[in-house]
Amino acid sequence: MRALQAMLLTLAAMLLSGCGYNTIQVQDEQTKSAWSEVLNQYQRRADLIPNLVNTVKGFAAQEQAVLIGVTEARAKATQVKVDPGDAASLQQFQAAQGELSSALSRLMVVVERYPELKSDQNFRDLQAQLEGTENRITVARNRYIQAVQDYNVTIRKFPVNLTAMVFGYEVKPNFAVQNEAEISRPPTVDFGLPAAPATTPAPDAPPSAQPAPATH
């Protein structure tokens, strides 16, 4: 009896392996791991923003609209409860993070008006950390996109699709943008000296009047 049970278990394991069950498990875990890294990097960015805003405020307190915009966008992005398995939830999360990226871009443009702020060591350190985090976000997003694509392709294939159907594995939603490479690229700001304004050449002076001939 035990021998029969062992044979049945072995046969079941072989059937599950041959139908892609193990592959589904591996790729499902890869998507979860990749998603965790996406969240970690977005949280890292959120953690940097308060110090960045306070540093800018010390030199440019009059830029209230931009500073408030960044603070509110950060609050919105961190309050979104995202379920990566729900397309609407993922879209809402992506929109909130995109708004924060836009607000940060506007802040960096404002920095151009304040040379003392650009030369402040604390600001430069925060800027470097922010740029590094933006790069990590791009990498993490790309890895997640690839992991979801691989998983979705697998569970659509025959006969793995039958296994996925039996065990309730469904296609996962993914980040959807018109141009992922362009949108996920960190904003760049030129901190060099502004170009000198073009000068308009002065108009030619009118010819001087000739003296009238003397009369006798």
N, C-alpha and C. Protein backbone atom coordinates (compact mmCIF):
# COMPACT_ATOMS: atom_id res chain seq x y z
N MET A 1 0.83 -1.20 0.00
CA MET A 1 0.00 0.00 0.00
C MET A 1 0.87 1.25 0.00
N ARG A 2 1.90 1.25 0.88
CA ARG A 2 2.78 2.38 0.93
C ARG A 2 3.55 2.55 -0.37
N ALA A 3 3.90 1.42 -0.95
CA ALA A 3 4.62 1.49 -2.22
C ALA A 3 3.74 2.09 -3.30
N LEU A 4 2.45 1.76 -3.29
CA LEU A 4 1.52 2.32 -4.26
C LEU A 4 1.36 3.81 -4.06
N GLN A 5 1.26 4.24 -2.81
CA GLN A 5 1.14 5.67 -2.52
C GLN A 5 2.38 6.42 -2.99
N ALA A 6 3.54 5.83 -2.76
CA ALA A 6 4.78 6.47 -3.18
C ALA A 6 4.83 6.60 -4.70
N MET A 7 4.37 5.56 -5.40
CA MET A 7 4.36 5.61 -6.86
C MET A 7 3.40 6.68 -7.36
N LEU A 8 2.23 6.79 -6.71
CA LEU A 8 1.25 7.80 -7.12
C LEU A 8 1.78 9.21 -6.89
N LEU A 9 2.44 9.39 -5.76
CA LEU A 9 3.02 10.71 -5.47
C LEU A 9 4.12 11.07 -6.46
N THR A 10 4.94 10.08 -6.78
CA THR A 10 5.99 10.32 -7.77
C THR A 10 5.42 10.65 -9.12
N LEU A 11 4.35 9.91 -9.51
CA LEU A 11 3.70 10.16 -10.79
C LEU A 11 3.07 11.55 -10.82
N ALA A 12 2.44 11.93 -9.71
CA ALA A 12 1.81 13.26 -9.64
C ALA A 12 2.86 14.36 -9.74
N ALA A 13 4.00 14.16 -9.09
CA ALA A 13 5.07 15.16 -9.14
C ALA A 13 5.61 15.30 -10.56
N MET A 14 5.74 14.16 -11.25
CA MET A 14 6.23 14.20 -12.63
C MET A 14 5.23 14.90 -13.54
N LEU A 15 3.94 14.62 -13.33
CA LEU A 15 2.91 15.26 -14.15
C LEU A 15 2.88 16.76 -13.92
N LEU A 16 2.97 17.19 -12.65
CA LEU A 16 2.95 18.62 -12.35
C LEU A 16 4.17 19.32 -12.93
N SER A 17 5.32 18.66 -12.82
CA SER A 17 6.54 19.25 -13.36
C SER A 17 6.45 19.37 -14.87
N GLY A 18 5.92 18.33 -15.52
CA GLY A 18 5.81 18.35 -16.97
C GLY A 18 4.79 19.34 -17.47
N CYS A 19 3.82 19.70 -16.65
CA CYS A 19 2.79 20.66 -17.04
C CYS A 19 3.13 22.09 -16.66
N GLY A 20 4.34 22.32 -16.17
CA GLY A 20 4.79 23.69 -15.90
C GLY A 20 4.47 24.23 -14.54
N TYR A 21 3.99 23.38 -13.63
CA TYR A 21 3.60 23.87 -12.30
C TYR A 21 4.80 24.49 -11.59
N ASN A 22 5.94 23.82 -11.63
CA ASN A 22 7.12 24.34 -10.95
C ASN A 22 7.60 25.65 -11.57
N THR A 23 7.50 25.73 -12.88
CA THR A 23 7.90 26.97 -13.56
C THR A 23 7.00 28.12 -13.14
N ILE A 24 5.72 27.87 -13.03
CA ILE A 24 4.78 28.91 -12.58
C ILE A 24 5.17 29.39 -11.18
N GLN A 25 5.48 28.44 -10.31
CA GLN A 25 5.85 28.80 -8.94
C GLN A 25 7.09 29.69 -8.91
N VAL A 26 8.10 29.31 -9.68
CA VAL A 26 9.35 30.08 -9.70
C VAL A 26 9.11 31.48 -10.23
N GLN A 27 8.39 31.58 -11.34
CA GLN A 27 8.19 32.90 -11.94
C GLN A 27 7.24 33.77 -11.13
N ASP A 28 6.30 33.16 -10.45
CA ASP A 28 5.40 33.91 -9.58
C ASP A 28 6.20 34.54 -8.44
N GLU A 29 7.11 33.78 -7.87
CA GLU A 29 7.95 34.31 -6.79
C GLU A 29 8.89 35.39 -7.31
N GLN A 30 9.35 35.26 -8.55
CA GLN A 30 10.22 36.28 -9.13
C GLN A 30 9.49 37.61 -9.30
N THR A 31 8.22 37.55 -9.69
CA THR A 31 7.44 38.79 -9.82
C THR A 31 7.23 39.43 -8.45
N LYS A 32 6.99 38.63 -7.43
CA LYS A 32 6.79 39.18 -6.08
C LYS A 32 8.07 39.84 -5.58
N SER A 33 9.20 39.19 -5.82
CA SER A 33 10.47 39.75 -5.39
C SER A 33 10.78 41.06 -6.13
N ALA A 34 10.51 41.07 -7.43
CA ALA A 34 10.76 42.28 -8.23
C ALA A 34 9.85 43.42 -7.79
N TRP A 35 8.61 43.10 -7.43
CA TRP A 35 7.68 44.13 -6.98
C TRP A 35 8.13 44.71 -5.64
N SER A 36 8.64 43.89 -4.76
CA SER A 36 9.13 44.37 -3.48
C SER A 36 10.26 45.38 -3.67
N GLU A 37 11.11 45.12 -4.65
CA GLU A 37 12.21 46.04 -4.92
C GLU A 37 11.70 47.36 -5.48
N VAL A 38 10.66 47.32 -6.31
CA VAL A 38 10.06 48.55 -6.80
C VAL A 38 9.56 49.40 -5.63
N LEU A 39 8.84 48.78 -4.71
CA LEU A 39 8.32 49.50 -3.55
C LEU A 39 9.45 50.06 -2.69
N ASN A 40 10.50 49.28 -2.51
CA ASN A 40 11.63 49.73 -1.70
C ASN A 40 12.27 50.99 -2.27
N GLN A 41 12.45 51.03 -3.58
CA GLN A 41 13.10 52.18 -4.20
C GLN A 41 12.20 53.40 -4.20
N TYR A 42 10.91 53.22 -4.40
CA TYR A 42 9.99 54.36 -4.32
C TYR A 42 9.95 54.90 -2.89
N GLN A 43 10.01 54.02 -1.91
CA GLN A 43 10.02 54.47 -0.52
C GLN A 43 11.32 55.20 -0.21
N ARG A 44 12.41 54.74 -0.76
CA ARG A 44 13.69 55.41 -0.58
C ARG A 44 13.61 56.84 -1.10
N ARG A 45 13.00 57.01 -2.26
CA ARG A 45 12.84 58.37 -2.80
C ARG A 45 11.98 59.22 -1.89
N ALA A 46 10.88 58.66 -1.43
CA ALA A 46 9.99 59.41 -0.54
C ALA A 46 10.70 59.84 0.74
N ASP A 47 11.60 59.00 1.24
CA ASP A 47 12.31 59.32 2.46
C ASP A 47 13.31 60.47 2.27
N LEU A 48 13.79 60.66 1.05
CA LEU A 48 14.75 61.72 0.79
C LEU A 48 14.09 63.09 0.64
N ILE A 49 12.83 63.11 0.25
CA ILE A 49 12.18 64.36 -0.13
C ILE A 49 12.06 65.37 1.01
N PRO A 50 11.66 64.99 2.23
CA PRO A 50 11.54 66.01 3.29
C PRO A 50 12.83 66.80 3.51
N ASN A 51 13.97 66.13 3.56
CA ASN A 51 15.25 66.84 3.73
C ASN A 51 15.56 67.72 2.53
N LEU A 52 15.23 67.25 1.34
CA LEU A 52 15.45 68.04 0.14
C LEU A 52 14.61 69.30 0.16
N VAL A 53 13.33 69.17 0.50
CA VAL A 53 12.44 70.33 0.56
C VAL A 53 12.91 71.33 1.61
N ASN A 54 13.31 70.85 2.77
CA ASN A 54 13.77 71.74 3.83
C ASN A 54 15.05 72.47 3.43
N THR A 55 15.93 71.80 2.72
CA THR A 55 17.16 72.44 2.26
C THR A 55 16.86 73.54 1.26
N VAL A 56 15.98 73.26 0.30
CA VAL A 56 15.61 74.27 -0.69
C VAL A 56 14.89 75.43 -0.01
N LYS A 57 14.06 75.12 0.96
CA LYS A 57 13.31 76.16 1.67
C LYS A 57 14.25 77.14 2.37
N GLY A 58 15.39 76.66 2.84
CA GLY A 58 16.35 77.53 3.51
C GLY A 58 16.92 78.60 2.60
N PHE A 59 16.94 78.36 1.29
CA PHE A 59 17.48 79.32 0.34
C PHE A 59 16.40 79.97 -0.51
N ALA A 60 15.25 79.31 -0.63
CA ALA A 60 14.21 79.79 -1.55
C ALA A 60 12.83 79.63 -0.92
N ALA A 61 12.67 80.25 0.25
CA ALA A 61 11.40 80.12 0.97
C ALA A 61 10.24 80.72 0.19
N GLN A 62 10.54 81.66 -0.71
CA GLN A 62 9.47 82.30 -1.47
C GLN A 62 8.86 81.39 -2.53
N GLU A 63 9.49 80.27 -2.80
CA GLU A 63 8.97 79.33 -3.81
C GLU A 63 7.95 78.39 -3.16
N GLN A 64 6.96 78.96 -2.50
CA GLN A 64 6.01 78.16 -1.74
C GLN A 64 5.19 77.23 -2.62
N ALA A 65 4.77 77.70 -3.79
CA ALA A 65 3.91 76.89 -4.64
C ALA A 65 4.59 75.59 -5.05
N VAL A 66 5.85 75.69 -5.43
CA VAL A 66 6.60 74.50 -5.86
C VAL A 66 6.88 73.58 -4.68
N LEU A 67 7.27 74.16 -3.55
CA LEU A 67 7.58 73.35 -2.37
C LEU A 67 6.34 72.62 -1.86
N ILE A 68 5.22 73.32 -1.84
CA ILE A 68 3.97 72.68 -1.40
C ILE A 68 3.57 71.60 -2.39
N GLY A 69 3.77 71.85 -3.67
CA GLY A 69 3.44 70.86 -4.69
C GLY A 69 4.19 69.56 -4.50
N VAL A 70 5.48 69.66 -4.17
CA VAL A 70 6.29 68.46 -3.94
C VAL A 70 5.81 67.73 -2.69
N THR A 71 5.55 68.49 -1.63
CA THR A 71 5.10 67.88 -0.38
C THR A 71 3.77 67.16 -0.54
N GLU A 72 2.84 67.80 -1.24
CA GLU A 72 1.52 67.18 -1.44
C GLU A 72 1.61 65.96 -2.35
N ALA A 73 2.44 66.04 -3.38
CA ALA A 73 2.60 64.90 -4.29
C ALA A 73 3.23 63.72 -3.55
N ARG A 74 4.17 64.00 -2.65
CA ARG A 74 4.77 62.93 -1.86
C ARG A 74 3.74 62.28 -0.95
N ALA A 75 2.92 63.12 -0.29
CA ALA A 75 1.90 62.58 0.60
C ALA A 75 0.92 61.68 -0.16
N LYS A 76 0.54 62.12 -1.34
CA LYS A 76 -0.41 61.33 -2.15
C LYS A 76 0.22 60.01 -2.58
N ALA A 77 1.49 60.06 -3.00
CA ALA A 77 2.16 58.85 -3.49
C ALA A 77 2.35 57.83 -2.38
N THR A 78 2.62 58.29 -1.17
CA THR A 78 2.87 57.36 -0.07
C THR A 78 1.59 56.83 0.56
N GLN A 79 0.47 57.49 0.27
CA GLN A 79 -0.81 57.05 0.85
C GLN A 79 -1.56 56.06 -0.03
N VAL A 80 -1.13 55.94 -1.28
CA VAL A 80 -1.81 55.02 -2.19
C VAL A 80 -1.58 53.58 -1.74
N LYS A 81 -2.66 52.84 -1.58
CA LYS A 81 -2.57 51.42 -1.25
C LYS A 81 -2.66 50.63 -2.56
N VAL A 82 -1.57 50.01 -2.92
CA VAL A 82 -1.50 49.37 -4.23
C VAL A 82 -1.56 47.86 -4.11
N ASP A 83 -2.33 47.27 -5.01
CA ASP A 83 -2.37 45.82 -5.19
C ASP A 83 -1.86 45.53 -6.58
N PRO A 84 -0.63 45.01 -6.72
CA PRO A 84 -0.07 44.80 -8.06
C PRO A 84 -0.86 43.80 -8.90
N GLY A 85 -1.73 43.03 -8.27
CA GLY A 85 -2.55 42.10 -9.02
C GLY A 85 -3.82 42.71 -9.57
N ASP A 86 -4.08 43.98 -9.23
CA ASP A 86 -5.28 44.67 -9.70
C ASP A 86 -4.86 45.79 -10.64
N ALA A 87 -5.33 45.75 -11.87
CA ALA A 87 -4.89 46.70 -12.89
C ALA A 87 -5.22 48.14 -12.51
N ALA A 88 -6.43 48.39 -11.98
CA ALA A 88 -6.84 49.74 -11.61
C ALA A 88 -5.98 50.28 -10.47
N SER A 89 -5.69 49.43 -9.50
CA SER A 89 -4.86 49.84 -8.37
C SER A 89 -3.44 50.15 -8.82
N LEU A 90 -2.90 49.34 -9.71
CA LEU A 90 -1.55 49.56 -10.22
C LEU A 90 -1.50 50.87 -11.01
N GLN A 91 -2.53 51.15 -11.78
CA GLN A 91 -2.58 52.38 -12.57
C GLN A 91 -2.64 53.60 -11.65
N GLN A 92 -3.41 53.51 -10.58
CA GLN A 92 -3.50 54.62 -9.63
C GLN A 92 -2.15 54.87 -8.96
N PHE A 93 -1.47 53.80 -8.59
CA PHE A 93 -0.15 53.91 -7.98
C PHE A 93 0.84 54.56 -8.95
N GLN A 94 0.81 54.12 -10.19
CA GLN A 94 1.72 54.65 -11.19
C GLN A 94 1.45 56.13 -11.44
N ALA A 95 0.18 56.53 -11.47
CA ALA A 95 -0.18 57.93 -11.68
C ALA A 95 0.34 58.81 -10.54
N ALA A 96 0.18 58.32 -9.30
CA ALA A 96 0.65 59.09 -8.14
C ALA A 96 2.16 59.25 -8.16
N GLN A 97 2.88 58.19 -8.50
CA GLN A 97 4.34 58.29 -8.57
C GLN A 97 4.77 59.20 -9.72
N GLY A 98 4.02 59.19 -10.81
CA GLY A 98 4.33 60.08 -11.92
C GLY A 98 4.14 61.54 -11.55
N GLU A 99 3.11 61.85 -10.77
CA GLU A 99 2.88 63.21 -10.31
C GLU A 99 4.04 63.68 -9.41
N LEU A 100 4.53 62.77 -8.58
CA LEU A 100 5.65 63.12 -7.72
C LEU A 100 6.91 63.38 -8.55
N SER A 101 7.14 62.58 -9.56
CA SER A 101 8.29 62.79 -10.44
C SER A 101 8.21 64.16 -11.13
N SER A 102 7.01 64.54 -11.58
CA SER A 102 6.82 65.84 -12.23
C SER A 102 7.06 66.98 -11.25
N ALA A 103 6.57 66.83 -10.02
CA ALA A 103 6.78 67.86 -9.01
C ALA A 103 8.26 68.04 -8.70
N LEU A 104 9.00 66.93 -8.63
CA LEU A 104 10.44 67.01 -8.38
C LEU A 104 11.16 67.68 -9.54
N SER A 105 10.71 67.43 -10.75
CA SER A 105 11.32 68.07 -11.92
C SER A 105 11.13 69.58 -11.86
N ARG A 106 9.93 70.03 -11.46
CA ARG A 106 9.68 71.46 -11.34
C ARG A 106 10.55 72.08 -10.24
N LEU A 107 10.75 71.33 -9.16
CA LEU A 107 11.60 71.82 -8.08
C LEU A 107 13.03 72.01 -8.55
N MET A 108 13.54 71.06 -9.31
CA MET A 108 14.92 71.16 -9.78
C MET A 108 15.10 72.32 -10.75
N VAL A 109 14.05 72.64 -11.49
CA VAL A 109 14.12 73.81 -12.39
C VAL A 109 14.21 75.09 -11.56
N VAL A 110 13.45 75.16 -10.47
CA VAL A 110 13.48 76.33 -9.60
C VAL A 110 14.87 76.54 -9.02
N VAL A 111 15.56 75.44 -8.71
CA VAL A 111 16.90 75.51 -8.12
C VAL A 111 17.85 76.32 -9.00
N GLU A 112 17.62 76.31 -10.28
CA GLU A 112 18.48 77.04 -11.21
C GLU A 112 18.58 78.52 -10.89
N ARG A 113 17.58 79.06 -10.23
CA ARG A 113 17.55 80.50 -9.94
C ARG A 113 18.38 80.88 -8.72
N TYR A 114 18.91 79.87 -8.02
CA TYR A 114 19.58 80.15 -6.75
C TYR A 114 20.98 79.53 -6.75
N PRO A 115 21.98 80.31 -7.20
CA PRO A 115 23.35 79.78 -7.26
C PRO A 115 23.87 79.31 -5.90
N GLU A 116 23.53 80.04 -4.82
CA GLU A 116 24.02 79.64 -3.49
C GLU A 116 23.47 78.27 -3.10
N LEU A 117 22.22 78.01 -3.46
CA LEU A 117 21.62 76.70 -3.16
C LEU A 117 22.32 75.61 -3.95
N LYS A 118 22.61 75.85 -5.21
CA LYS A 118 23.26 74.84 -6.04
C LYS A 118 24.66 74.49 -5.52
N SER A 119 25.30 75.45 -4.86
CA SER A 119 26.66 75.21 -4.36
C SER A 119 26.66 74.69 -2.93
N ASP A 120 25.49 74.61 -2.29
CA ASP A 120 25.41 74.12 -0.92
C ASP A 120 25.72 72.62 -0.90
N GLN A 121 26.64 72.21 -0.01
CA GLN A 121 27.08 70.81 0.01
C GLN A 121 25.96 69.87 0.40
N ASN A 122 25.13 70.28 1.35
CA ASN A 122 24.02 69.43 1.78
C ASN A 122 23.05 69.18 0.62
N PHE A 123 22.76 70.24 -0.13
CA PHE A 123 21.88 70.08 -1.27
C PHE A 123 22.50 69.18 -2.33
N ARG A 124 23.77 69.38 -2.58
CA ARG A 124 24.43 68.56 -3.60
C ARG A 124 24.44 67.09 -3.21
N ASP A 125 24.62 66.80 -1.92
CA ASP A 125 24.58 65.41 -1.46
C ASP A 125 23.19 64.82 -1.65
N LEU A 126 22.16 65.59 -1.29
CA LEU A 126 20.79 65.11 -1.46
C LEU A 126 20.45 64.91 -2.93
N GLN A 127 20.92 65.83 -3.77
CA GLN A 127 20.67 65.71 -5.20
C GLN A 127 21.29 64.43 -5.75
N ALA A 128 22.53 64.14 -5.32
CA ALA A 128 23.21 62.93 -5.78
C ALA A 128 22.46 61.68 -5.32
N GLN A 129 21.98 61.70 -4.07
CA GLN A 129 21.22 60.55 -3.57
C GLN A 129 19.91 60.39 -4.34
N LEU A 130 19.27 61.50 -4.65
CA LEU A 130 18.00 61.45 -5.38
C LEU A 130 18.21 60.91 -6.79
N GLU A 131 19.26 61.38 -7.45
CA GLU A 131 19.55 60.89 -8.80
C GLU A 131 19.85 59.40 -8.79
N GLY A 132 20.63 58.96 -7.78
CA GLY A 132 20.92 57.53 -7.67
C GLY A 132 19.66 56.71 -7.44
N THR A 133 18.75 57.25 -6.63
CA THR A 133 17.50 56.54 -6.35
C THR A 133 16.63 56.48 -7.59
N GLU A 134 16.59 57.56 -8.35
CA GLU A 134 15.80 57.56 -9.59
C GLU A 134 16.33 56.48 -10.54
N ASN A 135 17.63 56.33 -10.59
CA ASN A 135 18.21 55.28 -11.43
C ASN A 135 17.82 53.89 -10.93
N ARG A 136 17.83 53.72 -9.60
CA ARG A 136 17.43 52.42 -9.04
C ARG A 136 15.96 52.14 -9.31
N ILE A 137 15.14 53.17 -9.27
CA ILE A 137 13.71 52.99 -9.59
C ILE A 137 13.56 52.50 -11.01
N THR A 138 14.30 53.10 -11.93
CA THR A 138 14.23 52.69 -13.34
C THR A 138 14.61 51.23 -13.50
N VAL A 139 15.70 50.83 -12.83
CA VAL A 139 16.15 49.44 -12.93
C VAL A 139 15.12 48.50 -12.33
N ALA A 140 14.59 48.85 -11.16
CA ALA A 140 13.62 47.99 -10.48
C ALA A 140 12.34 47.86 -11.30
N ARG A 141 11.89 48.95 -11.89
CA ARG A 141 10.68 48.89 -12.72
C ARG A 141 10.90 47.99 -13.94
N ASN A 142 12.05 48.15 -14.58
CA ASN A 142 12.33 47.34 -15.76
C ASN A 142 12.40 45.85 -15.42
N ARG A 143 12.98 45.54 -14.26
CA ARG A 143 13.06 44.13 -13.85
C ARG A 143 11.66 43.58 -13.56
N TYR A 144 10.84 44.40 -12.94
CA TYR A 144 9.48 43.95 -12.65
C TYR A 144 8.69 43.75 -13.94
N ILE A 145 8.81 44.68 -14.85
CA ILE A 145 8.12 44.56 -16.14
C ILE A 145 8.53 43.28 -16.84
N GLN A 146 9.83 42.97 -16.85
CA GLN A 146 10.31 41.76 -17.51
C GLN A 146 9.82 40.51 -16.80
N ALA A 147 9.82 40.54 -15.46
CA ALA A 147 9.37 39.37 -14.69
C ALA A 147 7.90 39.09 -14.95
N VAL A 148 7.08 40.12 -15.01
CA VAL A 148 5.65 39.93 -15.27
C VAL A 148 5.43 39.44 -16.70
N GLN A 149 6.19 39.98 -17.64
CA GLN A 149 6.06 39.53 -19.02
C GLN A 149 6.40 38.05 -19.15
N ASP A 150 7.48 37.62 -18.50
CA ASP A 150 7.88 36.22 -18.56
C ASP A 150 6.80 35.33 -17.95
N TYR A 151 6.28 35.75 -16.81
CA TYR A 151 5.22 34.98 -16.14
C TYR A 151 3.98 34.88 -17.01
N ASN A 152 3.56 36.00 -17.58
CA ASN A 152 2.34 36.00 -18.40
C ASN A 152 2.49 35.14 -19.64
N VAL A 153 3.67 35.19 -20.25
CA VAL A 153 3.90 34.35 -21.43
C VAL A 153 3.82 32.88 -21.06
N THR A 154 4.38 32.53 -19.91
CA THR A 154 4.41 31.13 -19.48
C THR A 154 2.99 30.59 -19.27
N ILE A 155 2.16 31.33 -18.54
CA ILE A 155 0.84 30.78 -18.21
C ILE A 155 -0.14 30.84 -19.38
N ARG A 156 0.26 31.46 -20.48
CA ARG A 156 -0.58 31.44 -21.69
C ARG A 156 -0.22 30.27 -22.61
N LYS A 157 0.95 29.66 -22.38
CA LYS A 157 1.40 28.59 -23.25
C LYS A 157 0.66 27.29 -22.94
N PHE A 158 0.48 26.49 -23.97
CA PHE A 158 -0.09 25.15 -23.79
C PHE A 158 1.08 24.18 -23.58
N PRO A 159 1.01 23.24 -22.63
CA PRO A 159 -0.14 22.94 -21.77
C PRO A 159 -0.12 23.62 -20.41
N VAL A 160 0.84 24.59 -20.23
CA VAL A 160 0.95 25.24 -18.93
C VAL A 160 -0.32 26.03 -18.61
N ASN A 161 -0.99 26.53 -19.65
CA ASN A 161 -2.22 27.29 -19.41
C ASN A 161 -3.28 26.44 -18.72
N LEU A 162 -3.28 25.13 -18.99
CA LEU A 162 -4.24 24.24 -18.33
C LEU A 162 -3.90 24.12 -16.83
N THR A 163 -2.61 24.00 -16.56
CA THR A 163 -2.17 23.93 -15.16
C THR A 163 -2.52 25.22 -14.42
N ALA A 164 -2.26 26.35 -15.08
CA ALA A 164 -2.58 27.64 -14.48
C ALA A 164 -4.07 27.76 -14.20
N MET A 165 -4.88 27.26 -15.12
CA MET A 165 -6.33 27.32 -14.95
C MET A 165 -6.78 26.47 -13.76
N VAL A 166 -6.20 25.29 -13.63
CA VAL A 166 -6.58 24.39 -12.54
C VAL A 166 -6.22 24.98 -11.18
N PHE A 167 -5.05 25.60 -11.09
CA PHE A 167 -4.57 26.11 -9.80
C PHE A 167 -4.88 27.60 -9.59
N GLY A 168 -5.61 28.20 -10.53
CA GLY A 168 -6.07 29.58 -10.33
C GLY A 168 -5.04 30.66 -10.57
N TYR A 169 -4.03 30.39 -11.39
CA TYR A 169 -3.05 31.42 -11.72
C TYR A 169 -3.55 32.22 -12.93
N GLU A 170 -3.56 33.55 -12.78
CA GLU A 170 -4.07 34.40 -13.84
C GLU A 170 -2.99 35.36 -14.34
N VAL A 171 -3.27 35.96 -15.49
CA VAL A 171 -2.35 36.95 -16.06
C VAL A 171 -2.25 38.14 -15.12
N LYS A 172 -1.03 38.63 -14.90
CA LYS A 172 -0.80 39.77 -14.01
C LYS A 172 -0.81 41.08 -14.80
N PRO A 173 -1.39 42.15 -14.24
CA PRO A 173 -1.28 43.46 -14.90
C PRO A 173 0.15 43.96 -14.81
N ASN A 174 0.49 44.88 -15.69
CA ASN A 174 1.86 45.38 -15.73
C ASN A 174 1.84 46.89 -15.85
N PHE A 175 2.98 47.52 -15.61
CA PHE A 175 3.08 48.95 -15.84
C PHE A 175 2.77 49.22 -17.31
N ALA A 176 1.92 50.19 -17.56
CA ALA A 176 1.52 50.50 -18.92
C ALA A 176 1.78 51.98 -19.19
N VAL A 177 2.76 52.27 -20.06
CA VAL A 177 3.06 53.64 -20.44
C VAL A 177 3.28 53.67 -21.94
N GLN A 178 3.10 54.86 -22.52
CA GLN A 178 3.27 54.98 -23.96
C GLN A 178 4.74 54.83 -24.34
N ASN A 179 5.63 55.32 -23.48
CA ASN A 179 7.05 55.22 -23.77
C ASN A 179 7.78 54.99 -22.45
N GLU A 180 7.89 53.74 -22.04
CA GLU A 180 8.46 53.40 -20.74
C GLU A 180 9.88 53.94 -20.59
N ALA A 181 10.68 53.84 -21.63
CA ALA A 181 12.06 54.29 -21.52
C ALA A 181 12.15 55.79 -21.28
N GLU A 182 11.27 56.56 -21.92
CA GLU A 182 11.31 58.01 -21.78
C GLU A 182 10.78 58.46 -20.44
N ILE A 183 9.68 57.86 -19.98
CA ILE A 183 9.05 58.29 -18.74
C ILE A 183 9.88 57.88 -17.53
N SER A 184 10.47 56.71 -17.57
CA SER A 184 11.22 56.23 -16.41
C SER A 184 12.61 56.83 -16.31
N ARG A 185 13.04 57.59 -17.34
CA ARG A 185 14.37 58.19 -17.29
C ARG A 185 14.37 59.32 -16.27
N PRO A 186 15.32 59.36 -15.35
CA PRO A 186 15.35 60.42 -14.34
C PRO A 186 15.49 61.78 -14.99
N PRO A 187 14.83 62.81 -14.43
CA PRO A 187 14.96 64.14 -14.99
C PRO A 187 16.39 64.65 -14.84
N THR A 188 16.88 65.35 -15.85
CA THR A 188 18.22 65.90 -15.79
C THR A 188 18.13 67.41 -15.84
N VAL A 189 18.95 68.05 -15.06
CA VAL A 189 18.97 69.51 -15.02
C VAL A 189 20.40 69.96 -15.22
N ASP A 190 20.62 70.93 -16.12
CA ASP A 190 21.95 71.44 -16.38
C ASP A 190 22.28 72.49 -15.34
N PHE A 191 23.28 72.19 -14.48
CA PHE A 191 23.67 73.13 -13.45
C PHE A 191 24.86 73.98 -13.87
N GLY A 192 25.12 74.04 -15.18
CA GLY A 192 26.18 74.90 -15.65
C GLY A 192 25.71 76.34 -15.71
N LEU A 193 26.62 77.21 -16.09
CA LEU A 193 26.25 78.61 -16.19
C LEU A 193 25.26 78.80 -17.32
N PRO A 194 24.26 79.67 -17.14
CA PRO A 194 23.31 79.91 -18.22
C PRO A 194 23.99 80.58 -19.40
N ALA A 195 23.50 80.25 -20.55
CA ALA A 195 24.07 80.83 -21.75
C ALA A 195 23.82 82.33 -21.77
N ALA A 196 24.79 83.07 -22.28
CA ALA A 196 24.63 84.52 -22.36
C ALA A 196 23.54 84.84 -23.37
N PRO A 197 22.68 85.84 -23.06
CA PRO A 197 21.62 86.17 -24.00
C PRO A 197 22.18 86.74 -25.28
N ALA A 198 21.50 86.43 -26.34
CA ALA A 198 21.95 86.93 -27.63
C ALA A 198 21.80 88.44 -27.67
N THR A 199 22.79 89.15 -28.25
CA THR A 199 22.75 90.60 -28.35
C THR A 199 22.29 91.00 -29.72
N THR A 200 21.45 92.00 -29.77
CA THR A 200 20.95 92.50 -31.04
C THR A 200 21.85 93.62 -31.51
N PRO A 201 22.38 93.52 -32.71
CA PRO A 201 23.30 94.58 -33.19
C PRO A 201 22.57 95.91 -33.26
N ALA A 202 23.29 96.97 -32.89
CA ALA A 202 22.69 98.31 -32.94
C ALA A 202 22.50 98.72 -34.38
N PRO A 203 21.42 99.47 -34.65
CA PRO A 203 21.18 99.91 -36.04
C PRO A 203 22.25 100.88 -36.48
N ASP A 204 22.52 100.90 -37.78
CA ASP A 204 23.52 101.82 -38.33
C ASP A 204 23.07 103.26 -38.12
N ALA A 205 24.03 104.12 -37.78
CA ALA A 205 23.69 105.54 -37.60
C ALA A 205 23.35 106.15 -38.94
N PRO A 206 22.37 107.06 -38.96
CA PRO A 206 22.01 107.72 -40.24
C PRO A 206 23.16 108.59 -40.71
N PRO A 207 23.31 108.75 -42.00
CA PRO A 207 24.41 109.59 -42.53
C PRO A 207 24.24 111.03 -42.07
N SER A 208 25.37 111.68 -41.72
CA SER A 208 25.30 113.07 -41.26
C SER A 208 24.99 113.99 -42.43
N ALA A 209 24.30 115.07 -42.10
CA ALA A 209 23.87 116.00 -43.16
C ALA A 209 25.09 116.77 -43.67
N GLN A 210 25.16 117.01 -44.99
CA GLN A 210 26.25 117.78 -45.61
C GLN A 210 25.99 119.25 -45.41
N PRO A 211 27.04 120.02 -45.08
CA PRO A 211 26.81 121.48 -44.94
C PRO A 211 26.41 122.11 -46.26
N ALA A 212 25.56 123.12 -46.14
CA ALA A 212 25.07 123.85 -47.37
C ALA A 212 26.22 124.63 -47.96
N PRO A 213 26.29 124.70 -49.30
CA PRO A 213 27.37 125.47 -49.94
C PRO A 213 27.25 126.95 -49.62
N ALA A 214 28.40 127.62 -49.47
CA ALA A 214 28.40 129.05 -49.16
C ALA A 214 27.90 129.84 -50.36
N THR A 215 27.16 130.91 -50.13
CA THR A 215 26.64 131.77 -51.20
C THR A 215 27.37 133.09 -51.18
N HIS A 216 27.62 133.62 -52.32
CA HIS A 216 28.31 134.93 -52.45
C HIS A 216 27.29 136.01 -52.74
